[in-house]
Amino acid sequence: MLDHLSIQCQDVGASAAFYDTVLATVGGSRIMDFGQVMGFGVGGMPSFWLGPHTTGEPNSEVHIAFTAPDRAAVRAFFDAAVAAGAPVLHHPRERPEYHAGYYGAFVRDPDGNNVEAVCHLPE
């Protein structure tokens, strides 16, 4: 349903460094870079974009969930985020309250957004 998502950041450099680090653990990378605007994705097309905060009030919390290829990648995402200084929201674990096999971890990005890596496959 979604083609891409873009968020505005207070400090694009800090956010870019954070997402460069954590998205690498789930197979993502920076694909396009236009200075203060950059696109991340898997393969050739970006699906997640960062840019400077230019309109309105600062963003309220956004929840972003990135697909991880396996549970080890969820744990690697979490470890990389924590090592980068991200506040922990929820440690990696199964979340049967969502559905059977749901395995996720949640942290905050530099702008306070709720960022998750999730795998829907069994161990």
Protein backbone atom coordinates (compact mmCIF):
# COMPACT_ATOMS: atom_id res chain seq x y z
CA MET A 1 0.00 0.00 0.00
CA LEU A 2 2.76 2.51 0.84
CA ASP A 3 5.22 3.53 -1.83
CA HIS A 4 7.41 5.62 0.46
CA LEU A 5 7.44 7.56 3.73
CA SER A 6 9.24 10.79 4.52
CA ILE A 7 9.90 12.34 7.93
CA GLN A 8 11.17 15.79 8.89
CA CYS A 9 14.15 15.89 11.26
CA GLN A 10 15.45 18.54 13.62
CA ASP A 11 19.06 17.46 12.96
CA VAL A 12 19.30 15.72 9.58
CA GLY A 13 22.94 14.76 10.14
CA ALA A 14 22.21 13.00 13.43
CA SER A 15 19.19 11.24 11.96
CA ALA A 16 21.10 10.20 8.83
CA ALA A 17 23.89 8.72 10.95
CA PHE A 18 21.34 6.84 13.08
CA TYR A 19 19.47 5.40 10.09
CA ASP A 20 22.72 4.56 8.21
CA THR A 21 23.66 2.43 11.23
CA VAL A 22 20.39 0.73 12.08
CA LEU A 23 19.04 0.14 8.58
CA ALA A 24 22.23 -1.67 7.56
CA THR A 25 21.27 -4.40 10.05
CA VAL A 26 18.02 -5.14 8.16
CA GLY A 27 19.49 -4.92 4.64
CA GLY A 28 18.80 -1.23 4.02
CA SER A 29 21.13 1.55 2.94
CA ARG A 30 21.18 5.14 1.79
CA ILE A 31 20.33 5.03 -1.91
CA MET A 32 19.91 8.72 -2.74
CA ASP A 33 21.49 11.77 -1.13
CA PHE A 34 20.61 15.34 -2.04
CA GLY A 35 22.45 17.01 0.84
CA GLN A 36 19.72 17.66 3.41
CA VAL A 37 17.28 15.17 1.84
CA MET A 38 18.14 11.49 1.56
CA GLY A 39 16.38 8.25 0.65
CA PHE A 40 16.96 4.80 2.14
CA GLY A 41 15.81 1.45 0.89
CA VAL A 42 16.56 -2.12 -0.05
CA GLY A 43 17.62 -2.60 -3.64
CA GLY A 44 17.45 0.29 -6.04
CA MET A 45 14.46 2.37 -4.93
CA PRO A 46 14.25 4.39 -1.71
CA SER A 47 11.12 3.88 0.37
CA PHE A 48 12.11 5.87 3.47
CA TRP A 49 13.17 9.52 3.27
CA LEU A 50 14.67 12.04 5.71
CA GLY A 51 14.65 15.79 5.33
CA PRO A 52 14.94 18.93 7.43
CA HIS A 53 12.06 20.16 9.52
CA THR A 54 10.69 22.99 7.39
CA THR A 55 6.96 23.22 8.07
CA GLY A 56 4.66 23.63 11.02
CA GLU A 57 5.32 22.57 14.57
CA PRO A 58 7.83 19.85 15.37
CA ASN A 59 6.49 16.40 14.53
CA SER A 60 4.55 14.49 17.09
CA GLU A 61 5.73 10.93 17.53
CA VAL A 62 5.70 8.79 14.42
CA HIS A 63 5.87 4.98 14.54
CA ILE A 64 8.03 3.43 11.82
CA ALA A 65 8.47 -0.35 11.51
CA PHE A 66 11.19 -1.76 9.26
CA THR A 67 10.96 -5.34 8.02
CA ALA A 68 13.83 -7.52 9.18
CA PRO A 69 14.71 -10.66 7.21
CA ASP A 70 15.03 -12.74 10.38
CA ARG A 71 15.06 -12.49 14.17
CA ALA A 72 18.83 -12.14 14.28
CA ALA A 73 18.48 -8.95 12.23
CA VAL A 74 15.93 -7.61 14.74
CA ARG A 75 18.46 -8.20 17.51
CA ALA A 76 21.25 -6.63 15.43
CA PHE A 77 19.04 -3.58 14.74
CA PHE A 78 18.32 -3.23 18.46
CA ASP A 79 21.99 -3.62 19.44
CA ALA A 80 23.13 -1.10 16.80
CA ALA A 81 20.48 1.41 17.88
CA VAL A 82 21.36 1.10 21.57
CA ALA A 83 25.08 1.40 20.75
CA ALA A 84 24.23 4.59 18.83
CA GLY A 85 22.58 5.99 21.97
CA ALA A 86 18.92 5.31 21.14
CA PRO A 87 16.58 5.12 24.12
CA VAL A 88 15.01 1.68 24.47
CA LEU A 89 11.23 1.38 24.26
CA HIS A 90 10.91 -2.42 24.09
CA HIS A 91 13.61 -5.10 23.98
CA PRO A 92 13.49 -7.76 21.25
CA ARG A 93 10.90 -10.44 21.96
CA GLU A 94 7.89 -12.24 20.56
CA ARG A 95 4.69 -10.27 20.77
CA PRO A 96 1.85 -12.81 20.56
CA GLU A 97 -0.61 -10.06 21.43
CA TYR A 98 0.01 -8.75 17.87
CA HIS A 99 -0.02 -12.17 16.14
CA ALA A 100 1.74 -15.52 16.34
CA GLY A 101 5.36 -15.24 15.22
CA TYR A 102 5.59 -11.43 15.59
CA TYR A 103 9.11 -10.61 16.82
CA GLY A 104 10.06 -6.97 17.27
CA ALA A 105 12.23 -4.43 19.06
CA PHE A 106 11.47 -0.73 19.55
CA VAL A 107 13.75 2.30 20.13
CA ARG A 108 13.56 6.07 19.75
CA ASP A 109 15.38 7.86 16.93
CA PRO A 110 17.11 11.25 17.43
CA ASP A 111 13.76 13.04 16.91
CA GLY A 112 11.90 10.89 19.43
CA ASN A 113 10.10 8.71 16.89
CA ASN A 114 9.19 5.13 17.80
CA VAL A 115 11.32 3.01 15.44
CA GLU A 116 10.91 -0.74 15.23
CA ALA A 117 12.50 -3.69 13.47
CA VAL A 118 10.07 -6.57 13.02
CA CYS A 119 10.22 -10.11 11.69
CA HIS A 120 7.09 -12.19 11.10
CA LEU A 121 8.95 -15.50 10.69
CA PRO A 122 9.67 -18.17 13.30
CA GLU A 123 13.20 -18.60 14.68
